[in-house]
Amino acid sequence: MKRNCTSCGGWMDRNQGPLLLSDARLGMIAIPQATYWKCKSCGKMLYPIATARLIEEQSNRRRDEIVRLYPIGEFLNATDTAAVLGISRQALHKHRRISNGFIYQTTLSGKIVYLKQSVDLFKRTGDGRFSLAESAPRVIRYVSHSSLDQSSLAQAFASWSSQSTSTNTEVAYTTRPQLRHSRKAIQI
């Protein structure tokens, strides 16, 4: 089935399969199975409602994944966030732009917490969103030389890299024995 492109007037083909999208704030977003229309001439894409919902769900999942990489000290509770913004807690929770994601937030231990950097940006500009893909903290995984030989080390690097759902993961090799025990404190 074909349809006309709304931009160039060319023909759009219906496609079904994996979809890889680039988001300025979140980086790459992968949808494993999607239906979409793509123009042969200009490359414009149109998404049916079901695919748009999948994209939104995956974007929300990716945003939460990146926000959770920040240390706990980088978050404010609702009371502190309301004080910084100069509004009441009730106004904070009812604020339409905040509830629509204009301030990055996540839930920790059943409580909503707000990213400080996003709160400050929202106070200055009215939009607390910034590029999470570029500014997210890096997760570093350490491997001790005493536990792996060279071939095992290469396999460990490859498996950790492939298991990582975030682009913000680095694998480090160290010979310092004091770092062997720090692996528990590092997100793996």
N, C-alpha and C. Protein backbone atom coordinates (compact mmCIF):
# COMPACT_ATOMS: atom_id res chain seq x y z
N MET A 1 0.84 -1.18 0.00
CA MET A 1 0.00 0.00 0.00
C MET A 1 0.89 1.24 0.00
N LYS A 2 0.53 2.24 -0.76
CA LYS A 2 1.32 3.46 -0.87
C LYS A 2 0.46 4.67 -0.53
N ARG A 3 1.14 5.73 -0.13
CA ARG A 3 0.45 7.00 0.12
C ARG A 3 1.38 8.12 -0.27
N ASN A 4 0.82 9.31 -0.49
CA ASN A 4 1.62 10.47 -0.87
C ASN A 4 2.29 11.10 0.34
N CYS A 5 3.53 11.56 0.12
CA CYS A 5 4.28 12.24 1.17
C CYS A 5 3.72 13.65 1.35
N THR A 6 3.57 14.05 2.60
CA THR A 6 3.03 15.38 2.88
C THR A 6 4.07 16.48 2.67
N SER A 7 5.35 16.13 2.58
CA SER A 7 6.41 17.13 2.39
C SER A 7 6.75 17.36 0.93
N CYS A 8 7.04 16.27 0.21
CA CYS A 8 7.53 16.44 -1.16
C CYS A 8 6.55 15.93 -2.23
N GLY A 9 5.49 15.25 -1.83
CA GLY A 9 4.53 14.72 -2.78
C GLY A 9 4.93 13.37 -3.37
N GLY A 10 6.09 12.85 -2.96
CA GLY A 10 6.55 11.55 -3.44
C GLY A 10 5.74 10.41 -2.82
N TRP A 11 6.13 9.18 -3.14
CA TRP A 11 5.42 8.02 -2.63
C TRP A 11 6.04 7.52 -1.33
N MET A 12 5.18 7.14 -0.40
CA MET A 12 5.61 6.57 0.87
C MET A 12 5.26 5.09 0.86
N ASP A 13 6.23 4.28 1.27
CA ASP A 13 6.02 2.84 1.38
C ASP A 13 5.80 2.46 2.83
N ARG A 14 4.96 1.45 3.03
CA ARG A 14 4.72 0.92 4.37
C ARG A 14 5.83 -0.07 4.69
N ASN A 15 6.49 0.12 5.83
CA ASN A 15 7.59 -0.75 6.27
C ASN A 15 7.24 -1.37 7.61
N GLN A 16 7.79 -2.53 7.85
CA GLN A 16 7.59 -3.20 9.13
C GLN A 16 8.91 -3.85 9.51
N GLY A 17 9.33 -3.61 10.75
CA GLY A 17 10.59 -4.17 11.22
C GLY A 17 11.21 -3.30 12.29
N PRO A 18 12.49 -3.51 12.57
CA PRO A 18 13.16 -2.71 13.61
C PRO A 18 13.31 -1.25 13.17
N LEU A 19 13.24 -0.37 14.14
CA LEU A 19 13.31 1.07 13.88
C LEU A 19 14.31 1.68 14.84
N LEU A 20 15.30 2.39 14.33
CA LEU A 20 16.31 3.05 15.14
C LEU A 20 16.17 4.55 14.95
N LEU A 21 15.87 5.26 16.05
CA LEU A 21 15.64 6.70 15.99
C LEU A 21 16.70 7.43 16.81
N SER A 22 17.05 8.62 16.36
CA SER A 22 18.00 9.45 17.10
C SER A 22 17.23 10.58 17.76
N ASP A 23 17.39 10.72 19.08
CA ASP A 23 16.73 11.78 19.83
C ASP A 23 17.82 12.71 20.37
N ALA A 24 17.63 14.02 20.21
CA ALA A 24 18.64 14.99 20.62
C ALA A 24 18.93 14.93 22.11
N ARG A 25 17.92 14.61 22.93
CA ARG A 25 18.10 14.60 24.37
C ARG A 25 18.46 13.23 24.92
N LEU A 26 18.03 12.16 24.26
CA LEU A 26 18.19 10.81 24.80
C LEU A 26 19.19 9.94 24.05
N GLY A 27 19.64 10.37 22.91
CA GLY A 27 20.54 9.56 22.10
C GLY A 27 19.74 8.62 21.21
N MET A 28 20.24 7.41 21.01
CA MET A 28 19.59 6.45 20.12
C MET A 28 18.49 5.68 20.86
N ILE A 29 17.36 5.52 20.18
CA ILE A 29 16.23 4.77 20.73
C ILE A 29 15.91 3.67 19.72
N ALA A 30 15.87 2.43 20.20
CA ALA A 30 15.60 1.29 19.32
C ALA A 30 14.23 0.72 19.61
N ILE A 31 13.45 0.53 18.55
CA ILE A 31 12.15 -0.12 18.64
C ILE A 31 12.30 -1.44 17.87
N PRO A 32 12.19 -2.58 18.56
CA PRO A 32 12.47 -3.86 17.89
C PRO A 32 11.51 -4.20 16.75
N GLN A 33 10.24 -3.88 16.89
CA GLN A 33 9.26 -4.21 15.85
C GLN A 33 8.29 -3.06 15.72
N ALA A 34 8.30 -2.40 14.56
CA ALA A 34 7.44 -1.23 14.35
C ALA A 34 6.91 -1.21 12.93
N THR A 35 5.78 -0.55 12.77
CA THR A 35 5.19 -0.31 11.46
C THR A 35 5.29 1.20 11.21
N TYR A 36 5.76 1.59 10.02
CA TYR A 36 5.90 3.01 9.71
C TYR A 36 5.86 3.21 8.20
N TRP A 37 5.62 4.45 7.81
CA TRP A 37 5.62 4.84 6.40
C TRP A 37 6.87 5.68 6.16
N LYS A 38 7.59 5.41 5.04
CA LYS A 38 8.81 6.16 4.73
C LYS A 38 8.78 6.59 3.27
N CYS A 39 9.06 7.88 3.07
CA CYS A 39 9.08 8.44 1.72
C CYS A 39 10.35 8.02 1.00
N LYS A 40 10.19 7.57 -0.24
CA LYS A 40 11.36 7.17 -1.04
C LYS A 40 12.20 8.37 -1.46
N SER A 41 11.57 9.52 -1.63
CA SER A 41 12.27 10.70 -2.12
C SER A 41 13.00 11.47 -1.03
N CYS A 42 12.27 11.90 0.00
CA CYS A 42 12.87 12.78 1.01
C CYS A 42 13.22 12.07 2.32
N GLY A 43 12.74 10.84 2.52
CA GLY A 43 13.06 10.09 3.73
C GLY A 43 12.17 10.39 4.93
N LYS A 44 11.17 11.26 4.75
CA LYS A 44 10.27 11.58 5.86
C LYS A 44 9.54 10.31 6.30
N MET A 45 9.30 10.22 7.62
CA MET A 45 8.63 9.04 8.15
C MET A 45 7.35 9.45 8.88
N LEU A 46 6.31 8.63 8.71
CA LEU A 46 5.07 8.79 9.44
C LEU A 46 4.81 7.52 10.24
N TYR A 47 4.25 7.69 11.45
CA TYR A 47 4.04 6.55 12.34
C TYR A 47 2.56 6.40 12.66
N PRO A 48 2.02 5.18 12.60
CA PRO A 48 0.66 4.96 13.07
C PRO A 48 0.62 5.13 14.60
N ILE A 49 -0.57 5.25 15.16
CA ILE A 49 -0.73 5.49 16.59
C ILE A 49 -0.04 4.43 17.43
N ALA A 50 -0.15 3.17 17.06
CA ALA A 50 0.47 2.09 17.83
C ALA A 50 1.99 2.24 17.87
N THR A 51 2.60 2.61 16.76
CA THR A 51 4.05 2.81 16.71
C THR A 51 4.44 4.05 17.51
N ALA A 52 3.64 5.11 17.43
CA ALA A 52 3.92 6.32 18.21
C ALA A 52 3.91 6.02 19.71
N ARG A 53 2.99 5.16 20.14
CA ARG A 53 2.94 4.76 21.55
C ARG A 53 4.19 3.96 21.94
N LEU A 54 4.63 3.06 21.06
CA LEU A 54 5.86 2.30 21.32
C LEU A 54 7.07 3.23 21.44
N ILE A 55 7.13 4.23 20.57
CA ILE A 55 8.24 5.19 20.61
C ILE A 55 8.20 5.97 21.92
N GLU A 56 7.03 6.40 22.34
CA GLU A 56 6.89 7.14 23.59
C GLU A 56 7.28 6.28 24.80
N GLU A 57 6.83 5.02 24.81
CA GLU A 57 7.18 4.12 25.92
C GLU A 57 8.69 3.88 25.99
N GLN A 58 9.30 3.65 24.84
CA GLN A 58 10.75 3.41 24.81
C GLN A 58 11.52 4.67 25.20
N SER A 59 11.04 5.84 24.78
CA SER A 59 11.68 7.10 25.17
C SER A 59 11.60 7.30 26.67
N ASN A 60 10.44 7.04 27.26
CA ASN A 60 10.28 7.18 28.71
C ASN A 60 11.19 6.20 29.45
N ARG A 61 11.28 4.98 28.96
CA ARG A 61 12.14 3.96 29.57
C ARG A 61 13.61 4.39 29.49
N ARG A 62 14.02 4.90 28.35
CA ARG A 62 15.40 5.34 28.15
C ARG A 62 15.72 6.55 29.04
N ARG A 63 14.78 7.51 29.14
CA ARG A 63 14.97 8.68 29.98
C ARG A 63 15.15 8.27 31.44
N ASP A 64 14.29 7.37 31.91
CA ASP A 64 14.38 6.92 33.29
C ASP A 64 15.70 6.17 33.54
N GLU A 65 16.11 5.38 32.57
CA GLU A 65 17.37 4.64 32.68
C GLU A 65 18.55 5.60 32.84
N ILE A 66 18.59 6.66 32.05
CA ILE A 66 19.69 7.62 32.12
C ILE A 66 19.62 8.44 33.40
N VAL A 67 18.43 8.89 33.78
CA VAL A 67 18.29 9.71 35.00
C VAL A 67 18.73 8.91 36.22
N ARG A 68 18.46 7.62 36.24
CA ARG A 68 18.84 6.79 37.39
C ARG A 68 20.36 6.58 37.50
N LEU A 69 21.13 6.95 36.48
CA LEU A 69 22.58 6.86 36.55
C LEU A 69 23.18 7.95 37.44
N TYR A 70 22.44 9.04 37.66
CA TYR A 70 22.95 10.14 38.47
C TYR A 70 23.03 9.72 39.93
N PRO A 71 24.03 10.22 40.66
CA PRO A 71 24.14 9.90 42.09
C PRO A 71 22.96 10.48 42.87
N ILE A 72 22.61 9.86 43.99
CA ILE A 72 21.46 10.27 44.79
C ILE A 72 21.58 11.73 45.25
N GLY A 73 22.80 12.22 45.42
CA GLY A 73 23.01 13.60 45.85
C GLY A 73 22.61 14.63 44.81
N GLU A 74 22.38 14.21 43.59
CA GLU A 74 21.99 15.12 42.51
C GLU A 74 20.48 15.33 42.42
N PHE A 75 19.73 14.79 43.36
CA PHE A 75 18.27 14.88 43.32
C PHE A 75 17.74 15.71 44.49
N LEU A 76 16.58 16.31 44.28
CA LEU A 76 15.86 17.05 45.31
C LEU A 76 14.52 16.39 45.56
N ASN A 77 14.07 16.39 46.81
CA ASN A 77 12.73 15.88 47.09
C ASN A 77 11.71 16.95 46.69
N ALA A 78 10.43 16.64 46.81
CA ALA A 78 9.37 17.55 46.37
C ALA A 78 9.37 18.85 47.17
N THR A 79 9.61 18.78 48.47
CA THR A 79 9.62 19.98 49.31
C THR A 79 10.73 20.93 48.88
N ASP A 80 11.94 20.40 48.70
CA ASP A 80 13.06 21.25 48.29
C ASP A 80 12.88 21.79 46.88
N THR A 81 12.33 20.98 45.99
CA THR A 81 12.08 21.43 44.62
C THR A 81 11.08 22.57 44.60
N ALA A 82 10.00 22.43 45.38
CA ALA A 82 8.99 23.48 45.46
C ALA A 82 9.60 24.77 46.02
N ALA A 83 10.47 24.64 47.02
CA ALA A 83 11.12 25.81 47.61
C ALA A 83 12.02 26.51 46.59
N VAL A 84 12.78 25.75 45.81
CA VAL A 84 13.65 26.33 44.79
C VAL A 84 12.82 27.08 43.75
N LEU A 85 11.70 26.51 43.36
CA LEU A 85 10.85 27.12 42.33
C LEU A 85 9.95 28.23 42.89
N GLY A 86 9.85 28.31 44.22
CA GLY A 86 9.02 29.34 44.84
C GLY A 86 7.53 29.05 44.74
N ILE A 87 7.16 27.76 44.74
CA ILE A 87 5.75 27.36 44.68
C ILE A 87 5.48 26.36 45.80
N SER A 88 4.21 26.04 46.03
CA SER A 88 3.87 25.05 47.05
C SER A 88 4.07 23.64 46.49
N ARG A 89 4.13 22.66 47.39
CA ARG A 89 4.25 21.26 46.95
C ARG A 89 3.05 20.86 46.11
N GLN A 90 1.87 21.30 46.51
CA GLN A 90 0.67 20.98 45.75
C GLN A 90 0.75 21.55 44.33
N ALA A 91 1.22 22.79 44.22
CA ALA A 91 1.37 23.41 42.90
C ALA A 91 2.42 22.67 42.08
N LEU A 92 3.48 22.17 42.74
CA LEU A 92 4.51 21.40 42.05
C LEU A 92 3.90 20.15 41.41
N HIS A 93 3.13 19.41 42.19
CA HIS A 93 2.56 18.16 41.69
C HIS A 93 1.46 18.38 40.65
N LYS A 94 0.81 19.54 40.68
CA LYS A 94 -0.25 19.83 39.71
C LYS A 94 0.24 20.60 38.49
N HIS A 95 1.47 21.07 38.52
CA HIS A 95 2.01 21.88 37.43
C HIS A 95 2.05 21.05 36.15
N ARG A 96 1.36 21.52 35.15
CA ARG A 96 1.20 20.75 33.91
C ARG A 96 2.53 20.51 33.19
N ARG A 97 3.37 21.51 33.10
CA ARG A 97 4.64 21.34 32.38
C ARG A 97 5.57 20.39 33.13
N ILE A 98 5.57 20.45 34.45
CA ILE A 98 6.43 19.56 35.24
C ILE A 98 5.94 18.12 35.11
N SER A 99 4.63 17.92 35.21
CA SER A 99 4.10 16.56 35.09
C SER A 99 4.24 16.01 33.68
N ASN A 100 4.43 16.89 32.69
CA ASN A 100 4.66 16.44 31.31
C ASN A 100 6.13 16.24 30.99
N GLY A 101 7.01 16.31 32.00
CA GLY A 101 8.41 15.96 31.80
C GLY A 101 9.35 17.11 31.56
N PHE A 102 8.95 18.35 31.85
CA PHE A 102 9.83 19.48 31.64
C PHE A 102 10.90 19.58 32.73
N ILE A 103 10.75 18.81 33.81
CA ILE A 103 11.80 18.61 34.80
C ILE A 103 12.01 17.11 34.88
N TYR A 104 13.28 16.68 34.74
CA TYR A 104 13.57 15.25 34.83
C TYR A 104 13.35 14.76 36.26
N GLN A 105 12.62 13.67 36.36
CA GLN A 105 12.30 13.11 37.68
C GLN A 105 12.29 11.60 37.61
N THR A 106 12.40 10.98 38.77
CA THR A 106 12.30 9.53 38.87
C THR A 106 11.75 9.20 40.24
N THR A 107 11.46 7.93 40.45
CA THR A 107 10.94 7.49 41.74
C THR A 107 12.00 6.66 42.44
N LEU A 108 12.32 7.05 43.66
CA LEU A 108 13.26 6.31 44.50
C LEU A 108 12.57 5.99 45.81
N SER A 109 12.51 4.73 46.16
CA SER A 109 11.85 4.28 47.40
C SER A 109 10.42 4.79 47.50
N GLY A 110 9.72 4.82 46.39
CA GLY A 110 8.32 5.23 46.38
C GLY A 110 8.09 6.73 46.40
N LYS A 111 9.15 7.53 46.37
CA LYS A 111 9.03 8.99 46.41
C LYS A 111 9.54 9.56 45.10
N ILE A 112 8.87 10.59 44.62
CA ILE A 112 9.31 11.27 43.41
C ILE A 112 10.43 12.23 43.78
N VAL A 113 11.54 12.12 43.06
CA VAL A 113 12.67 13.03 43.25
C VAL A 113 12.97 13.70 41.91
N TYR A 114 13.52 14.92 41.99
CA TYR A 114 13.75 15.74 40.82
C TYR A 114 15.23 16.03 40.67
N LEU A 115 15.73 15.98 39.46
CA LEU A 115 17.14 16.22 39.18
C LEU A 115 17.44 17.71 39.39
N LYS A 116 18.41 18.03 40.25
CA LYS A 116 18.75 19.42 40.60
C LYS A 116 19.04 20.26 39.37
N GLN A 117 19.87 19.75 38.49
CA GLN A 117 20.26 20.48 37.28
C GLN A 117 19.03 20.85 36.45
N SER A 118 18.08 19.94 36.37
CA SER A 118 16.87 20.17 35.61
C SER A 118 15.97 21.21 36.30
N VAL A 119 15.91 21.15 37.64
CA VAL A 119 15.11 22.11 38.40
C VAL A 119 15.67 23.52 38.21
N ASP A 120 16.99 23.67 38.31
CA ASP A 120 17.62 24.98 38.13
C ASP A 120 17.39 25.52 36.73
N LEU A 121 17.51 24.66 35.73
CA LEU A 121 17.28 25.08 34.35
C LEU A 121 15.82 25.48 34.14
N PHE A 122 14.90 24.74 34.74
CA PHE A 122 13.47 25.06 34.63
C PHE A 122 13.19 26.42 35.28
N LYS A 123 13.81 26.69 36.41
CA LYS A 123 13.59 27.97 37.09
C LYS A 123 14.06 29.14 36.22
N ARG A 124 15.20 28.96 35.53
CA ARG A 124 15.75 30.04 34.70
C ARG A 124 15.00 30.21 33.37
N THR A 125 14.64 29.07 32.73
CA THR A 125 14.14 29.17 31.35
C THR A 125 12.71 28.68 31.15
N GLY A 126 12.15 27.97 32.13
CA GLY A 126 10.81 27.40 31.95
C GLY A 126 10.84 26.03 31.28
N ASP A 127 12.03 25.54 30.98
CA ASP A 127 12.19 24.21 30.38
C ASP A 127 13.44 23.57 30.98
N GLY A 128 13.25 22.54 31.79
CA GLY A 128 14.37 21.90 32.48
C GLY A 128 14.99 20.76 31.71
N ARG A 129 14.60 20.58 30.47
CA ARG A 129 15.15 19.47 29.68
C ARG A 129 16.48 19.88 29.07
N PHE A 130 17.42 18.95 29.07
CA PHE A 130 18.72 19.13 28.45
C PHE A 130 19.15 17.79 27.91
N SER A 131 20.26 17.75 27.19
CA SER A 131 20.71 16.51 26.57
C SER A 131 21.24 15.54 27.62
N LEU A 132 20.46 14.54 27.94
CA LEU A 132 20.87 13.53 28.90
C LEU A 132 21.93 12.61 28.32
N ALA A 133 21.87 12.38 27.02
CA ALA A 133 22.81 11.46 26.38
C ALA A 133 24.25 11.93 26.52
N GLU A 134 24.46 13.24 26.53
CA GLU A 134 25.82 13.78 26.61
C GLU A 134 26.27 14.03 28.04
N SER A 135 25.33 14.29 28.95
CA SER A 135 25.73 14.72 30.28
C SER A 135 25.56 13.67 31.37
N ALA A 136 25.07 12.49 31.02
CA ALA A 136 24.85 11.44 32.03
C ALA A 136 26.18 10.97 32.60
N PRO A 137 26.19 10.63 33.89
CA PRO A 137 27.43 10.12 34.49
C PRO A 137 27.83 8.80 33.84
N ARG A 138 29.11 8.55 33.79
CA ARG A 138 29.60 7.31 33.22
C ARG A 138 29.67 6.23 34.28
N VAL A 139 29.31 5.02 33.89
CA VAL A 139 29.41 3.86 34.76
C VAL A 139 30.70 3.15 34.41
N ILE A 140 31.55 2.93 35.39
CA ILE A 140 32.84 2.30 35.14
C ILE A 140 32.85 0.93 35.82
N ARG A 141 33.23 -0.09 35.08
CA ARG A 141 33.33 -1.45 35.61
C ARG A 141 34.80 -1.82 35.68
N TYR A 142 35.24 -2.35 36.80
CA TYR A 142 36.64 -2.70 36.99
C TYR A 142 36.84 -4.21 36.93
N VAL A 143 37.95 -4.60 36.35
CA VAL A 143 38.33 -6.00 36.28
C VAL A 143 39.74 -6.10 36.84
N SER A 144 39.95 -7.04 37.73
CA SER A 144 41.26 -7.24 38.34
C SER A 144 42.08 -8.19 37.47
N HIS A 145 43.38 -7.94 37.37
CA HIS A 145 44.24 -8.81 36.56
C HIS A 145 44.41 -10.19 37.20
N SER A 146 44.27 -10.28 38.49
CA SER A 146 44.50 -11.56 39.16
C SER A 146 43.38 -12.56 38.91
N SER A 147 42.21 -12.08 38.53
CA SER A 147 41.08 -13.00 38.36
C SER A 147 40.91 -13.48 36.92
N LEU A 148 41.60 -12.85 35.95
CA LEU A 148 41.39 -13.19 34.55
C LEU A 148 42.71 -13.29 33.80
N ASP A 149 42.80 -14.25 32.88
CA ASP A 149 43.94 -14.26 31.97
C ASP A 149 43.55 -13.41 30.75
N GLN A 150 44.44 -13.25 29.76
CA GLN A 150 44.19 -12.35 28.64
C GLN A 150 42.94 -12.72 27.84
N SER A 151 42.73 -14.01 27.54
CA SER A 151 41.56 -14.39 26.74
C SER A 151 40.28 -14.18 27.54
N SER A 152 40.31 -14.48 28.84
CA SER A 152 39.13 -14.25 29.67
C SER A 152 38.83 -12.77 29.80
N LEU A 153 39.87 -11.96 29.85
CA LEU A 153 39.71 -10.51 29.95
C LEU A 153 39.00 -9.97 28.70
N ALA A 154 39.43 -10.43 27.53
CA ALA A 154 38.80 -10.00 26.29
C ALA A 154 37.34 -10.42 26.25
N GLN A 155 37.04 -11.65 26.71
CA GLN A 155 35.66 -12.12 26.73
C GLN A 155 34.83 -11.30 27.71
N ALA A 156 35.39 -10.94 28.86
CA ALA A 156 34.67 -10.14 29.85
C ALA A 156 34.34 -8.76 29.29
N PHE A 157 35.29 -8.12 28.62
CA PHE A 157 35.04 -6.82 28.02
C PHE A 157 33.93 -6.91 26.99
N ALA A 158 34.00 -7.93 26.15
CA ALA A 158 32.98 -8.09 25.10
C ALA A 158 31.61 -8.34 25.69
N SER A 159 31.51 -9.20 26.72
CA SER A 159 30.19 -9.49 27.29
C SER A 159 29.63 -8.31 28.05
N TRP A 160 30.46 -7.58 28.78
CA TRP A 160 29.97 -6.41 29.51
C TRP A 160 29.53 -5.32 28.55
N SER A 161 30.26 -5.15 27.46
CA SER A 161 29.89 -4.13 26.48
C SER A 161 28.57 -4.48 25.81
N SER A 162 28.36 -5.76 25.51
CA SER A 162 27.12 -6.16 24.84
C SER A 162 25.93 -6.16 25.79
N GLN A 163 26.16 -6.38 27.10
CA GLN A 163 25.07 -6.39 28.06
C GLN A 163 24.63 -4.99 28.43
N SER A 164 25.47 -4.01 28.21
CA SER A 164 25.17 -2.66 28.63
C SER A 164 24.01 -2.09 27.83
N THR A 165 23.00 -1.57 28.54
CA THR A 165 21.87 -0.93 27.87
C THR A 165 22.12 0.54 27.69
N SER A 166 23.19 1.04 28.27
CA SER A 166 23.48 2.45 28.21
C SER A 166 24.76 2.68 27.42
N THR A 167 24.83 3.80 26.73
CA THR A 167 26.05 4.15 26.02
C THR A 167 27.06 4.74 27.00
N ASN A 168 26.68 4.94 28.24
CA ASN A 168 27.54 5.58 29.23
C ASN A 168 28.24 4.56 30.11
N THR A 169 28.75 3.50 29.51
CA THR A 169 29.44 2.47 30.27
C THR A 169 30.85 2.32 29.75
N GLU A 170 31.80 2.30 30.66
CA GLU A 170 33.19 2.06 30.29
C GLU A 170 33.68 0.88 31.09
N VAL A 171 34.57 0.10 30.51
CA VAL A 171 35.18 -1.01 31.23
C VAL A 171 36.65 -0.67 31.41
N ALA A 172 37.12 -0.74 32.64
CA ALA A 172 38.50 -0.39 32.94
C ALA A 172 39.24 -1.61 33.46
N TYR A 173 40.50 -1.74 33.09
CA TYR A 173 41.35 -2.82 33.56
C TYR A 173 42.33 -2.21 34.56
N THR A 174 42.46 -2.83 35.69
CA THR A 174 43.35 -2.28 36.70
C THR A 174 44.19 -3.38 37.33
N THR A 175 45.36 -3.00 37.77
CA THR A 175 46.21 -3.92 38.51
C THR A 175 46.24 -3.55 39.99
N ARG A 176 45.50 -2.52 40.35
CA ARG A 176 45.49 -2.08 41.74
C ARG A 176 44.55 -2.96 42.55
N PRO A 177 45.07 -3.72 43.54
CA PRO A 177 44.25 -4.66 44.28
C PRO A 177 43.15 -4.00 45.10
N GLN A 178 43.31 -2.74 45.52
CA GLN A 178 42.28 -2.11 46.33
C GLN A 178 40.98 -1.89 45.55
N LEU A 179 41.04 -1.90 44.23
CA LEU A 179 39.84 -1.69 43.43
C LEU A 179 39.04 -2.98 43.23
N ARG A 180 39.64 -4.13 43.53
CA ARG A 180 38.92 -5.39 43.35
C ARG A 180 37.65 -5.42 44.17
N HIS A 181 37.69 -4.87 45.36
CA HIS A 181 36.55 -4.93 46.26
C HIS A 181 35.56 -3.80 46.01
N SER A 182 35.92 -2.80 45.19
CA SER A 182 35.02 -1.69 44.93
C SER A 182 33.94 -2.05 43.92
N ARG A 183 34.05 -3.22 43.32
CA ARG A 183 33.08 -3.64 42.29
C ARG A 183 31.66 -3.68 42.87
N LYS A 184 31.51 -3.97 44.15
CA LYS A 184 30.20 -4.02 44.77
C LYS A 184 29.51 -2.66 44.74
N ALA A 185 30.28 -1.59 44.82
CA ALA A 185 29.71 -0.25 44.88
C ALA A 185 29.44 0.33 43.50
N ILE A 186 29.93 -0.33 42.48
CA ILE A 186 29.77 0.18 41.13
C ILE A 186 28.64 -0.55 40.44
N GLN A 187 27.77 0.22 39.77
CA GLN A 187 26.64 -0.40 39.08
C GLN A 187 27.14 -1.28 37.95
N ILE A 188 26.70 -2.53 37.94
CA ILE A 188 27.10 -3.48 36.91
C ILE A 188 25.90 -3.98 36.18
